[in-house]
Amino acid sequence: MPLADWDFSGAQRALDQSKYVSSPSSLKLTGDIRYLCRKTEALCLPYGRVQFYYFRNSTNRYQAIYFRNQAPLGTVAVTDTYAVNLSTSYTIFKNVAGSQTNLGTFTPPGGVSEWVGLAAEWYQGMDPDNLEALVIDVYKWTGTDWLLLGSGYDTAQSFLTSEINRVGHRAAARLANPVWHDDTQIWRPA
């Protein structure tokens, strides 16, 4: 997707033709950048899937996949959202009005100085107590298949009926320690 398809929180980003999964380039992030898709068909995804590849040189570079994000078009926010967190903790959480709730954990996907494929899928299902819930599954691409790393559950299902349910990413990179993202795919249920 072109850069124009995203709302960004900062300018520390550029297309990089020297490191990518698919040519001609990847998105190189050199600051604490959050970005949400602004394409019409991705503005309201109460259920869906985001998958992408990332490359980082250190595990202490915070990254996240956002979904059901409530930021209006043209803006980016870290509150009122669900997220899959990749840093020193590997958690699935939601943030409602600034209050964060942990919904689950997952196996660290690894991936230092290599491209790692990661996906988050969220859908209507059942939690381990057999209650209706938003189910959030996190997967890693093995080279031949998607391996489930862990799941989270939310019986409250925040933002389900909202007219805004955006998806996107965060990378807390630094100029001396950048992060690259490539091949983001956003899927909606059929």
Foldseek 3Di string as FASTA:
>chain_A
DDPVQKQKPDDQWDWDCPDAPDPRTWIKGAAWMWMWGNDPVFFDFLWWKKKWKKEWQDLQKKKKKWKQAPDDPNDDDDAQIWIQIGHPFGFTWHHHPNDIDTFKGFDHPDHHRDIKMKMKGWDWDADPVRATWTKIWIWTDPPPDTHTGIIGTGNVSPSSPPPGIIITMTIHHHNVIIMIMHDMDITHDD
